[in-house]
Amino acid sequence: MKVRWNGETNFLVLTHGKVYEVLSIEKGWYRVIDDSGEDYLYPPDRFLIVEE
């Protein structure tokens, strides 16, 4: 699934409007590789699904 970050841009974390690939959903949170190149869990309410 691909999602677009709808929150504020944070340097080396997530960029507003950028599309990220969801690697997995864990306890309702999205695991994505962020701008640092590492994968972390983020709350889904800050993303818009662009491709399922």
C-alpha atoms as a PDB file:
ATOM      1  CA  MET A   1       0.000   0.000   0.000  1.00  0.00           C
ATOM      2  CA  LYS A   2       1.204   3.524  -0.723  1.00  0.00           C
ATOM      3  CA  VAL A   3       0.332   6.472   1.481  1.00  0.00           C
ATOM      4  CA  ARG A   4       0.948  10.233   1.382  1.00  0.00           C
ATOM      5  CA  TRP A   5       2.138  12.004   4.538  1.00  0.00           C
ATOM      6  CA  ASN A   6      -0.309  14.755   5.433  1.00  0.00           C
ATOM      7  CA  GLY A   7       1.544  16.153   8.454  1.00  0.00           C
ATOM      8  CA  GLU A   8       4.294  18.713   8.791  1.00  0.00           C
ATOM      9  CA  THR A   9       7.693  18.150   7.210  1.00  0.00           C
ATOM     10  CA  ASN A  10      10.278  17.018   9.752  1.00  0.00           C
ATOM     11  CA  PHE A  11      13.911  16.910   8.602  1.00  0.00           C
ATOM     12  CA  LEU A  12      15.043  13.286   8.102  1.00  0.00           C
ATOM     13  CA  VAL A  13      11.660  11.970   9.245  1.00  0.00           C
ATOM     14  CA  LEU A  14       8.716  12.581   6.912  1.00  0.00           C
ATOM     15  CA  THR A  15       8.068  15.136   4.162  1.00  0.00           C
ATOM     16  CA  HIS A  16       4.627  16.720   3.682  1.00  0.00           C
ATOM     17  CA  GLY A  17       3.003  15.395   0.500  1.00  0.00           C
ATOM     18  CA  LYS A  18       5.599  12.672  -0.097  1.00  0.00           C
ATOM     19  CA  VAL A  19       4.395   9.150  -0.898  1.00  0.00           C
ATOM     20  CA  TYR A  20       5.713   6.276   1.223  1.00  0.00           C
ATOM     21  CA  GLU A  21       5.369   2.504   0.925  1.00  0.00           C
ATOM     22  CA  VAL A  22       3.714   0.781   3.891  1.00  0.00           C
ATOM     23  CA  LEU A  23       5.802  -2.277   4.744  1.00  0.00           C
ATOM     24  CA  SER A  24       3.306  -3.624   7.286  1.00  0.00           C
ATOM     25  CA  ILE A  25       0.502  -2.628   9.639  1.00  0.00           C
ATOM     26  CA  GLU A  26       1.271  -3.373  13.280  1.00  0.00           C
ATOM     27  CA  LYS A  27      -1.345  -2.823  15.978  1.00  0.00           C
ATOM     28  CA  GLY A  28      -3.044  -0.379  13.603  1.00  0.00           C
ATOM     29  CA  TRP A  29       0.082   1.693  12.875  1.00  0.00           C
ATOM     30  CA  TYR A  30       1.921   1.895   9.539  1.00  0.00           C
ATOM     31  CA  ARG A  31       5.531   0.751   9.287  1.00  0.00           C
ATOM     32  CA  VAL A  32       7.222   2.897   6.627  1.00  0.00           C
ATOM     33  CA  ILE A  33      10.778   3.696   5.615  1.00  0.00           C
ATOM     34  CA  ASP A  34      11.099   7.382   6.405  1.00  0.00           C
ATOM     35  CA  ASP A  35      13.517   9.989   5.046  1.00  0.00           C
ATOM     36  CA  SER A  36      16.309   8.732   7.326  1.00  0.00           C
ATOM     37  CA  GLY A  37      16.236   5.402   5.472  1.00  0.00           C
ATOM     38  CA  GLU A  38      15.069   3.505   8.559  1.00  0.00           C
ATOM     39  CA  ASP A  39      11.667   1.912   9.102  1.00  0.00           C
ATOM     40  CA  TYR A  40       9.444   3.132  11.942  1.00  0.00           C
ATOM     41  CA  LEU A  41       5.810   2.958  13.011  1.00  0.00           C
ATOM     42  CA  TYR A  42       3.580   5.975  12.390  1.00  0.00           C
ATOM     43  CA  PRO A  43      -0.092   6.666  13.158  1.00  0.00           C
ATOM     44  CA  PRO A  44      -2.315   6.108  10.107  1.00  0.00           C
ATOM     45  CA  ASP A  45      -4.485   9.179  10.760  1.00  0.00           C
ATOM     46  CA  ARG A  46      -1.671  11.410   9.413  1.00  0.00           C
ATOM     47  CA  PHE A  47      -1.577   9.642   6.027  1.00  0.00           C
ATOM     48  CA  LEU A  48      -3.828   9.532   2.973  1.00  0.00           C
ATOM     49  CA  ILE A  49      -4.009   6.219   1.108  1.00  0.00           C
ATOM     50  CA  VAL A  50      -3.034   6.732  -2.531  1.00  0.00           C
ATOM     51  CA  GLU A  51      -2.787   3.082  -3.635  1.00  0.00           C
ATOM     52  CA  GLU A  52      -3.969  -0.099  -1.966  1.00  0.00           C
END
